[in-house]
Amino acid sequence: MEVYLDGGVHSGLDVFKAVAMGGRGVLLGRAWAWALAGAGASGLGDLLTTLRCELEVAMALAGVNTLAEITRDQVEVTEPR
């Protein structure tokens, strides 16, 4: 079964964590609409560029070069209280 995270994705680090936990991808919810409404096409482009840069930084800090290299071992999973 493929899993996609929808909602709660606010940064590239959220994307990294979703992939590490087994997600196939993420959906951006309303963030794209806010960016588009606030600054038009350039705002949407800025949002996507920012998410990509944040994801690349998270990947670099974890020592991976591709999304396929991201594993669950790279995130700390704690039990809810």
N, C-alpha and C. Protein backbone atom coordinates (compact mmCIF):
# COMPACT_ATOMS: atom_id res chain seq x y z
N MET A 1 0.84 -1.16 0.00
CA MET A 1 0.00 0.00 0.00
C MET A 1 0.89 1.24 0.00
N GLU A 2 0.58 2.18 -0.84
CA GLU A 2 1.30 3.45 -0.86
C GLU A 2 0.67 4.40 0.14
N VAL A 3 1.52 5.15 0.85
CA VAL A 3 1.05 6.10 1.86
C VAL A 3 1.50 7.49 1.45
N TYR A 4 0.57 8.44 1.49
CA TYR A 4 0.86 9.85 1.20
C TYR A 4 0.42 10.67 2.41
N LEU A 5 1.26 11.59 2.83
CA LEU A 5 0.93 12.46 3.95
C LEU A 5 0.22 13.70 3.42
N ASP A 6 -0.96 13.95 3.93
CA ASP A 6 -1.72 15.12 3.51
C ASP A 6 -2.05 15.95 4.73
N GLY A 7 -1.48 17.13 4.80
CA GLY A 7 -1.72 18.00 5.93
C GLY A 7 -0.55 17.98 6.89
N GLY A 8 -0.27 19.11 7.47
CA GLY A 8 0.82 19.22 8.42
C GLY A 8 2.19 19.34 7.80
N VAL A 9 2.25 19.47 6.48
CA VAL A 9 3.54 19.62 5.80
C VAL A 9 3.81 21.11 5.66
N HIS A 10 4.77 21.58 6.45
CA HIS A 10 5.08 23.01 6.46
C HIS A 10 6.52 23.31 6.09
N SER A 11 7.34 22.26 5.96
CA SER A 11 8.75 22.49 5.67
C SER A 11 9.34 21.28 4.96
N GLY A 12 10.54 21.47 4.45
CA GLY A 12 11.25 20.37 3.83
C GLY A 12 11.58 19.28 4.82
N LEU A 13 11.77 19.65 6.09
CA LEU A 13 12.02 18.65 7.13
C LEU A 13 10.80 17.75 7.32
N ASP A 14 9.61 18.33 7.20
CA ASP A 14 8.39 17.51 7.28
C ASP A 14 8.35 16.50 6.14
N VAL A 15 8.79 16.91 4.96
CA VAL A 15 8.85 16.00 3.81
C VAL A 15 9.84 14.88 4.12
N PHE A 16 11.01 15.24 4.63
CA PHE A 16 12.03 14.23 4.98
C PHE A 16 11.46 13.21 5.95
N LYS A 17 10.81 13.69 7.01
CA LYS A 17 10.26 12.79 8.02
C LYS A 17 9.18 11.88 7.45
N ALA A 18 8.35 12.42 6.57
CA ALA A 18 7.29 11.61 5.97
C ALA A 18 7.89 10.49 5.12
N VAL A 19 8.92 10.81 4.35
CA VAL A 19 9.57 9.79 3.52
C VAL A 19 10.27 8.77 4.41
N ALA A 20 10.93 9.23 5.47
CA ALA A 20 11.63 8.33 6.38
C ALA A 20 10.68 7.34 7.05
N MET A 21 9.46 7.78 7.30
CA MET A 21 8.48 6.92 7.96
C MET A 21 7.73 6.02 6.99
N GLY A 22 8.15 6.05 5.71
CA GLY A 22 7.57 5.13 4.74
C GLY A 22 6.62 5.76 3.75
N GLY A 23 6.44 7.06 3.84
CA GLY A 23 5.53 7.73 2.91
C GLY A 23 6.09 7.76 1.50
N ARG A 24 5.21 7.62 0.55
CA ARG A 24 5.60 7.68 -0.86
C ARG A 24 5.71 9.13 -1.32
N GLY A 25 4.99 10.01 -0.67
CA GLY A 25 5.01 11.42 -1.03
C GLY A 25 4.17 12.23 -0.07
N VAL A 26 4.14 13.54 -0.29
CA VAL A 26 3.35 14.43 0.55
C VAL A 26 2.49 15.33 -0.32
N LEU A 27 1.43 15.81 0.27
CA LEU A 27 0.55 16.79 -0.38
C LEU A 27 0.63 18.07 0.43
N LEU A 28 0.54 19.20 -0.22
CA LEU A 28 0.78 20.46 0.46
C LEU A 28 -0.46 21.13 1.04
N GLY A 29 -1.61 20.51 0.93
CA GLY A 29 -2.79 21.12 1.49
C GLY A 29 -3.06 22.49 0.89
N ARG A 30 -3.26 23.48 1.74
CA ARG A 30 -3.59 24.82 1.27
C ARG A 30 -2.38 25.72 1.09
N ALA A 31 -1.20 25.28 1.48
CA ALA A 31 -0.02 26.15 1.42
C ALA A 31 0.21 26.72 0.02
N TRP A 32 0.01 25.89 -0.99
CA TRP A 32 0.22 26.37 -2.37
C TRP A 32 -0.79 27.46 -2.71
N ALA A 33 -2.01 27.33 -2.22
CA ALA A 33 -3.04 28.32 -2.53
C ALA A 33 -2.73 29.65 -1.84
N TRP A 34 -2.25 29.58 -0.60
CA TRP A 34 -1.88 30.81 0.12
C TRP A 34 -0.73 31.52 -0.59
N ALA A 35 0.26 30.75 -1.01
CA ALA A 35 1.41 31.34 -1.71
C ALA A 35 0.97 31.97 -3.03
N LEU A 36 0.10 31.29 -3.74
CA LEU A 36 -0.39 31.80 -5.02
C LEU A 36 -1.24 33.05 -4.81
N ALA A 37 -2.11 33.04 -3.80
CA ALA A 37 -2.96 34.18 -3.53
C ALA A 37 -2.16 35.38 -3.04
N GLY A 38 -1.12 35.11 -2.27
CA GLY A 38 -0.34 36.19 -1.69
C GLY A 38 0.63 36.85 -2.65
N ALA A 39 1.20 36.08 -3.56
CA ALA A 39 2.24 36.65 -4.42
C ALA A 39 2.20 36.12 -5.85
N GLY A 40 1.10 35.49 -6.22
CA GLY A 40 0.98 35.01 -7.59
C GLY A 40 1.91 33.85 -7.87
N ALA A 41 2.21 33.67 -9.15
CA ALA A 41 3.05 32.55 -9.58
C ALA A 41 4.43 32.60 -8.94
N SER A 42 4.97 33.79 -8.75
CA SER A 42 6.30 33.87 -8.13
C SER A 42 6.25 33.42 -6.67
N GLY A 43 5.15 33.68 -5.98
CA GLY A 43 5.00 33.21 -4.61
C GLY A 43 4.96 31.70 -4.53
N LEU A 44 4.26 31.09 -5.47
CA LEU A 44 4.20 29.64 -5.52
C LEU A 44 5.58 29.06 -5.83
N GLY A 45 6.28 29.70 -6.76
CA GLY A 45 7.64 29.27 -7.08
C GLY A 45 8.55 29.38 -5.88
N ASP A 46 8.41 30.47 -5.13
CA ASP A 46 9.22 30.67 -3.92
C ASP A 46 8.94 29.59 -2.89
N LEU A 47 7.66 29.24 -2.72
CA LEU A 47 7.29 28.20 -1.76
C LEU A 47 7.95 26.88 -2.13
N LEU A 48 7.84 26.50 -3.38
CA LEU A 48 8.41 25.22 -3.82
C LEU A 48 9.94 25.23 -3.72
N THR A 49 10.55 26.37 -4.04
CA THR A 49 12.01 26.48 -3.92
C THR A 49 12.44 26.35 -2.47
N THR A 50 11.72 26.99 -1.57
CA THR A 50 12.04 26.93 -0.15
C THR A 50 11.90 25.50 0.37
N LEU A 51 10.81 24.82 0.03
CA LEU A 51 10.62 23.44 0.47
C LEU A 51 11.75 22.55 -0.04
N ARG A 52 12.13 22.74 -1.29
CA ARG A 52 13.19 21.92 -1.87
C ARG A 52 14.52 22.18 -1.16
N CYS A 53 14.85 23.44 -0.92
CA CYS A 53 16.10 23.78 -0.23
C CYS A 53 16.12 23.19 1.18
N GLU A 54 15.01 23.29 1.90
CA GLU A 54 14.94 22.74 3.25
C GLU A 54 15.11 21.22 3.22
N LEU A 55 14.49 20.56 2.23
CA LEU A 55 14.64 19.12 2.10
C LEU A 55 16.08 18.76 1.78
N GLU A 56 16.72 19.51 0.90
CA GLU A 56 18.12 19.24 0.56
C GLU A 56 19.03 19.41 1.78
N VAL A 57 18.77 20.41 2.61
CA VAL A 57 19.57 20.60 3.83
C VAL A 57 19.37 19.42 4.78
N ALA A 58 18.12 19.00 4.97
CA ALA A 58 17.84 17.86 5.85
C ALA A 58 18.54 16.61 5.34
N MET A 59 18.50 16.40 4.03
CA MET A 59 19.16 15.24 3.45
C MET A 59 20.67 15.31 3.65
N ALA A 60 21.25 16.48 3.44
CA ALA A 60 22.69 16.64 3.62
C ALA A 60 23.10 16.37 5.07
N LEU A 61 22.32 16.89 6.01
CA LEU A 61 22.62 16.67 7.42
C LEU A 61 22.49 15.20 7.81
N ALA A 62 21.61 14.48 7.11
CA ALA A 62 21.43 13.05 7.39
C ALA A 62 22.43 12.19 6.61
N GLY A 63 23.16 12.81 5.70
CA GLY A 63 24.16 12.08 4.93
C GLY A 63 23.62 11.26 3.79
N VAL A 64 22.50 11.70 3.22
CA VAL A 64 21.93 10.99 2.07
C VAL A 64 21.91 11.90 0.85
N ASN A 65 21.96 11.28 -0.32
CA ASN A 65 21.98 12.05 -1.56
C ASN A 65 20.70 11.94 -2.37
N THR A 66 19.91 10.90 -2.12
CA THR A 66 18.67 10.71 -2.86
C THR A 66 17.54 10.38 -1.90
N LEU A 67 16.31 10.57 -2.35
CA LEU A 67 15.15 10.22 -1.52
C LEU A 67 15.14 8.73 -1.21
N ALA A 68 15.62 7.92 -2.14
CA ALA A 68 15.64 6.47 -1.94
C ALA A 68 16.55 6.05 -0.78
N GLU A 69 17.51 6.89 -0.43
CA GLU A 69 18.44 6.57 0.66
C GLU A 69 17.88 6.92 2.04
N ILE A 70 16.77 7.62 2.09
CA ILE A 70 16.17 8.02 3.37
C ILE A 70 15.51 6.80 4.00
N THR A 71 15.86 6.52 5.27
CA THR A 71 15.28 5.37 5.97
C THR A 71 14.73 5.80 7.32
N ARG A 72 13.98 4.92 7.90
CA ARG A 72 13.37 5.17 9.21
C ARG A 72 14.43 5.37 10.30
N ASP A 73 15.60 4.79 10.10
CA ASP A 73 16.69 4.92 11.07
C ASP A 73 17.17 6.38 11.21
N GLN A 74 16.82 7.22 10.28
CA GLN A 74 17.30 8.60 10.30
C GLN A 74 16.38 9.55 11.06
N VAL A 75 15.31 9.03 11.62
CA VAL A 75 14.42 9.84 12.47
C VAL A 75 14.22 9.12 13.79
N GLU A 76 14.04 9.90 14.83
CA GLU A 76 13.77 9.31 16.14
C GLU A 76 12.26 9.23 16.32
N VAL A 77 11.79 8.04 16.58
CA VAL A 77 10.35 7.82 16.76
C VAL A 77 10.10 7.61 18.24
N THR A 78 9.24 8.44 18.82
CA THR A 78 8.89 8.29 20.23
C THR A 78 7.42 7.89 20.34
N GLU A 79 7.12 7.18 21.38
CA GLU A 79 5.75 6.76 21.63
C GLU A 79 4.95 7.93 22.19
N PRO A 80 3.72 8.11 21.75
CA PRO A 80 2.89 9.19 22.31
C PRO A 80 2.62 8.93 23.78
N ARG A 81 2.43 10.02 24.52
CA ARG A 81 2.17 9.89 25.96
C ARG A 81 0.72 9.67 26.24
